[in-house]
C-alpha atoms as a PDB file:
ATOM      1  CA  MET A   1       7.577 -20.197 -37.848  1.00  0.00           C
ATOM      2  CA  LEU A   2       6.957 -18.881 -41.339  1.00  0.00           C
ATOM      3  CA  GLY A   3       8.552 -21.965 -42.879  1.00  0.00           C
ATOM      4  CA  ARG A   4      11.764 -21.651 -40.891  1.00  0.00           C
ATOM      5  CA  GLY A   5      11.324 -24.378 -38.342  1.00  0.00           C
ATOM      6  CA  GLY A   6       9.564 -23.959 -35.077  1.00  0.00           C
ATOM      7  CA  SER A   7       9.494 -25.047 -31.503  1.00  0.00           C
ATOM      8  CA  ARG A   8       9.592 -28.586 -30.271  1.00  0.00           C
ATOM      9  CA  GLY A   9       7.638 -27.455 -27.208  1.00  0.00           C
ATOM     10  CA  GLN A  10       3.910 -27.818 -26.818  1.00  0.00           C
ATOM     11  CA  PHE A  11       1.626 -24.819 -26.632  1.00  0.00           C
ATOM     12  CA  GLN A  12      -1.974 -24.462 -25.559  1.00  0.00           C
ATOM     13  CA  GLY A  13      -4.250 -22.794 -28.056  1.00  0.00           C
ATOM     14  CA  ARG A  14      -5.047 -22.649 -31.740  1.00  0.00           C
ATOM     15  CA  SER A  15      -3.429 -21.022 -34.706  1.00  0.00           C
ATOM     16  CA  LEU A  16      -4.606 -17.497 -35.498  1.00  0.00           C
ATOM     17  CA  LEU A  17      -3.550 -17.776 -39.143  1.00  0.00           C
ATOM     18  CA  GLY A  18      -7.121 -18.493 -40.272  1.00  0.00           C
ATOM     19  CA  ALA A  19      -8.427 -15.346 -38.620  1.00  0.00           C
ATOM     20  CA  LEU A  20      -5.595 -13.281 -40.093  1.00  0.00           C
ATOM     21  CA  ALA A  21      -6.311 -14.672 -43.557  1.00  0.00           C
ATOM     22  CA  GLY A  22      -9.992 -13.734 -43.256  1.00  0.00           C
ATOM     23  CA  ASP A  23     -11.338 -17.254 -42.702  1.00  0.00           C
ATOM     24  CA  GLU A  24     -14.845 -16.763 -41.303  1.00  0.00           C
ATOM     25  CA  ASP A  25     -14.582 -19.612 -38.793  1.00  0.00           C
ATOM     26  CA  GLY A  26     -11.270 -18.268 -37.517  1.00  0.00           C
ATOM     27  CA  ALA A  27     -12.644 -14.740 -37.256  1.00  0.00           C
ATOM     28  CA  ARG A  28     -15.601 -15.833 -35.103  1.00  0.00           C
ATOM     29  CA  ARG A  29     -13.445 -17.355 -32.402  1.00  0.00           C
ATOM     30  CA  ALA A  30     -12.306 -15.436 -29.377  1.00  0.00           C
ATOM     31  CA  VAL A  31      -8.702 -14.725 -28.493  1.00  0.00           C
ATOM     32  CA  LEU A  32      -7.885 -15.285 -24.833  1.00  0.00           C
ATOM     33  CA  SER A  33      -4.776 -13.965 -23.137  1.00  0.00           C
ATOM     34  CA  ARG A  34      -3.190 -13.224 -19.780  1.00  0.00           C
ATOM     35  CA  THR A  35      -0.263 -11.308 -18.366  1.00  0.00           C
ATOM     36  CA  VAL A  36       2.583 -13.161 -16.673  1.00  0.00           C
ATOM     37  CA  TRP A  37       2.414 -11.383 -13.316  1.00  0.00           C
ATOM     38  CA  ASP A  38       1.724 -13.233 -10.063  1.00  0.00           C
ATOM     39  CA  ARG A  39      -1.767 -11.690 -10.076  1.00  0.00           C
ATOM     40  CA  PRO A  40      -2.483 -11.611 -13.802  1.00  0.00           C
ATOM     41  CA  ARG A  41      -4.907  -9.682 -15.966  1.00  0.00           C
ATOM     42  CA  TYR A  42      -6.974 -11.832 -18.306  1.00  0.00           C
ATOM     43  CA  SER A  43      -8.547 -10.754 -21.559  1.00  0.00           C
ATOM     44  CA  ARG A  44     -11.132 -12.170 -23.950  1.00  0.00           C
ATOM     45  CA  ARG A  45     -11.448 -10.561 -27.370  1.00  0.00           C
ATOM     46  CA  ASP A  46     -13.810 -11.535 -30.145  1.00  0.00           C
ATOM     47  CA  GLU A  47     -14.786  -9.881 -33.391  1.00  0.00           C
ATOM     48  CA  GLN A  48     -16.616  -7.017 -31.674  1.00  0.00           C
ATOM     49  CA  TYR A  49     -15.922  -6.959 -27.921  1.00  0.00           C
ATOM     50  CA  LYS A  50     -12.974  -7.010 -25.579  1.00  0.00           C
ATOM     51  CA  PHE A  51     -13.384  -7.975 -21.906  1.00  0.00           C
ATOM     52  CA  ILE A  52     -10.579  -7.533 -19.368  1.00  0.00           C
ATOM     53  CA  TYR A  53     -10.500  -8.919 -15.833  1.00  0.00           C
ATOM     54  CA  ASP A  54      -7.841  -7.767 -13.357  1.00  0.00           C
ATOM     55  CA  THR A  55      -7.262 -10.348 -10.608  1.00  0.00           C
ATOM     56  CA  ARG A  56      -5.402  -7.795  -8.476  1.00  0.00           C
ATOM     57  CA  THR A  57      -8.324  -5.397  -8.163  1.00  0.00           C
ATOM     58  CA  GLY A  58     -11.345  -7.347  -9.419  1.00  0.00           C
ATOM     59  CA  GLU A  59     -11.904  -4.572 -11.971  1.00  0.00           C
ATOM     60  CA  GLU A  60     -13.698  -5.517 -15.189  1.00  0.00           C
ATOM     61  CA  GLU A  61     -13.625  -3.649 -18.480  1.00  0.00           C
ATOM     62  CA  LEU A  62     -15.796  -4.202 -21.546  1.00  0.00           C
ATOM     63  CA  TYR A  63     -15.244  -2.401 -24.831  1.00  0.00           C
ATOM     64  CA  ASP A  64     -17.188  -2.418 -28.083  1.00  0.00           C
ATOM     65  CA  LEU A  65     -14.287  -2.438 -30.527  1.00  0.00           C
ATOM     66  CA  ALA A  66     -16.517  -1.734 -33.527  1.00  0.00           C
ATOM     67  CA  SER A  67     -17.758   1.604 -32.188  1.00  0.00           C
ATOM     68  CA  ASP A  68     -14.865   2.374 -29.807  1.00  0.00           C
ATOM     69  CA  PRO A  69     -11.591   1.032 -31.310  1.00  0.00           C
ATOM     70  CA  GLY A  70      -9.588   3.269 -28.949  1.00  0.00           C
ATOM     71  CA  GLU A  71     -11.134   1.521 -25.911  1.00  0.00           C
ATOM     72  CA  ARG A  72     -12.121   4.792 -24.233  1.00  0.00           C
ATOM     73  CA  THR A  73     -15.598   3.857 -22.947  1.00  0.00           C
ATOM     74  CA  ASN A  74     -15.864   0.998 -20.464  1.00  0.00           C
ATOM     75  CA  LEU A  75     -19.286  -0.611 -20.984  1.00  0.00           C
ATOM     76  CA  ALA A  76     -19.115  -3.119 -18.094  1.00  0.00           C
ATOM     77  CA  SER A  77     -21.615  -1.228 -15.933  1.00  0.00           C
ATOM     78  CA  ARG A  78     -23.791  -0.100 -18.864  1.00  0.00           C
ATOM     79  CA  ASP A  79     -24.166  -3.583 -20.364  1.00  0.00           C
ATOM     80  CA  PRO A  80     -24.109  -5.946 -17.351  1.00  0.00           C
ATOM     81  CA  LEU A  81     -25.580  -8.908 -19.233  1.00  0.00           C
ATOM     82  CA  ARG A  82     -22.860  -8.872 -21.901  1.00  0.00           C
ATOM     83  CA  ALA A  83     -20.221  -8.298 -19.220  1.00  0.00           C
ATOM     84  CA  ALA A  84     -21.541 -11.279 -17.229  1.00  0.00           C
ATOM     85  CA  TRP A  85     -21.441 -13.506 -20.315  1.00  0.00           C
ATOM     86  CA  ALA A  86     -17.869 -12.434 -21.116  1.00  0.00           C
ATOM     87  CA  ARG A  87     -16.861 -12.922 -17.462  1.00  0.00           C
ATOM     88  CA  GLU A  88     -18.256 -16.452 -17.342  1.00  0.00           C
ATOM     89  CA  SER A  89     -16.679 -17.328 -20.680  1.00  0.00           C
ATOM     90  CA  LEU A  90     -13.313 -16.028 -19.513  1.00  0.00           C
ATOM     91  CA  HIS A  91     -13.532 -17.724 -16.107  1.00  0.00           C
ATOM     92  CA  HIS A  92     -14.401 -21.020 -17.806  1.00  0.00           C
ATOM     93  CA  TRP A  93     -11.224 -20.709 -19.882  1.00  0.00           C
ATOM     94  CA  ILE A  94      -9.142 -19.825 -16.783  1.00  0.00           C
ATOM     95  CA  VAL A  95     -10.366 -22.893 -14.894  1.00  0.00           C
ATOM     96  CA  TYR A  96      -9.916 -25.141 -17.937  1.00  0.00           C
ATOM     97  CA  SER A  97      -6.376 -23.899 -18.640  1.00  0.00           C
ATOM     98  CA  HIS A  98      -5.336 -24.318 -14.976  1.00  0.00           C
ATOM     99  CA  TRP A  99      -6.786 -27.840 -15.004  1.00  0.00           C
ATOM    100  CA  GLN A 100      -4.843 -28.716 -18.162  1.00  0.00           C
ATOM    101  CA  ARG A 101      -1.608 -27.414 -16.668  1.00  0.00           C
ATOM    102  CA  SER A 102      -2.133 -29.365 -13.445  1.00  0.00           C
ATOM    103  CA  ILE A 103      -2.738 -32.562 -15.419  1.00  0.00           C
ATOM    104  CA  GLY A 104       0.368 -31.937 -17.544  1.00  0.00           C
ATOM    105  CA  PHE A 105       2.396 -31.212 -14.434  1.00  0.00           C
ATOM    106  CA  CYS A 106       1.201 -34.403 -12.739  1.00  0.00           C
ATOM    107  CA  GLN A 107       2.018 -36.468 -15.830  1.00  0.00           C
ATOM    108  CA  ALA A 108       5.514 -34.963 -16.107  1.00  0.00           C
ATOM    109  CA  ARG A 109       6.090 -35.457 -12.380  1.00  0.00           C
ATOM    110  CA  SER A 110       4.982 -39.096 -12.431  1.00  0.00           C
ATOM    111  CA  PHE A 111       7.205 -39.707 -15.485  1.00  0.00           C
ATOM    112  CA  ARG A 112      10.242 -38.293 -13.649  1.00  0.00           C
ATOM    113  CA  SER A 113       9.389 -40.336 -10.549  1.00  0.00           C
ATOM    114  CA  ALA A 114       9.142 -43.538 -12.575  1.00  0.00           C
ATOM    115  CA  LYS A 115      12.418 -42.773 -14.348  1.00  0.00           C
ATOM    116  CA  THR A 116      14.179 -42.099 -11.026  1.00  0.00           C
ATOM    117  CA  ALA A 117      12.784 -45.308  -9.527  1.00  0.00           C
ATOM    118  CA  ARG A 118      14.221 -47.380 -12.397  1.00  0.00           C
ATOM    119  CA  ALA A 119      17.707 -45.886 -11.998  1.00  0.00           C
END
């Protein structure tokens, strides 16, 4: 990182350096995140909006970061169409990321099995 080496591990996602440097294409993309709890909270943030989904409670939050940078007014019930779009976008990412992990896990497992069988 920052020219001082890095990790040999693989990570899912894209670099945020373009967005930080003001690259328009990088700034238009959404940032997706999750907590590490057993029942995580997921978040989708783009240039203007932030959507949060709590898997423990089913609660959804939507904030307009341009007009409410302190995230004090939850717009999920006031703007149901935008909330539905953000929800579907986030759920698509959740399903896709779980699918990628299951494929990676299966590949790693079959590699170990083949290695053990040869020994």
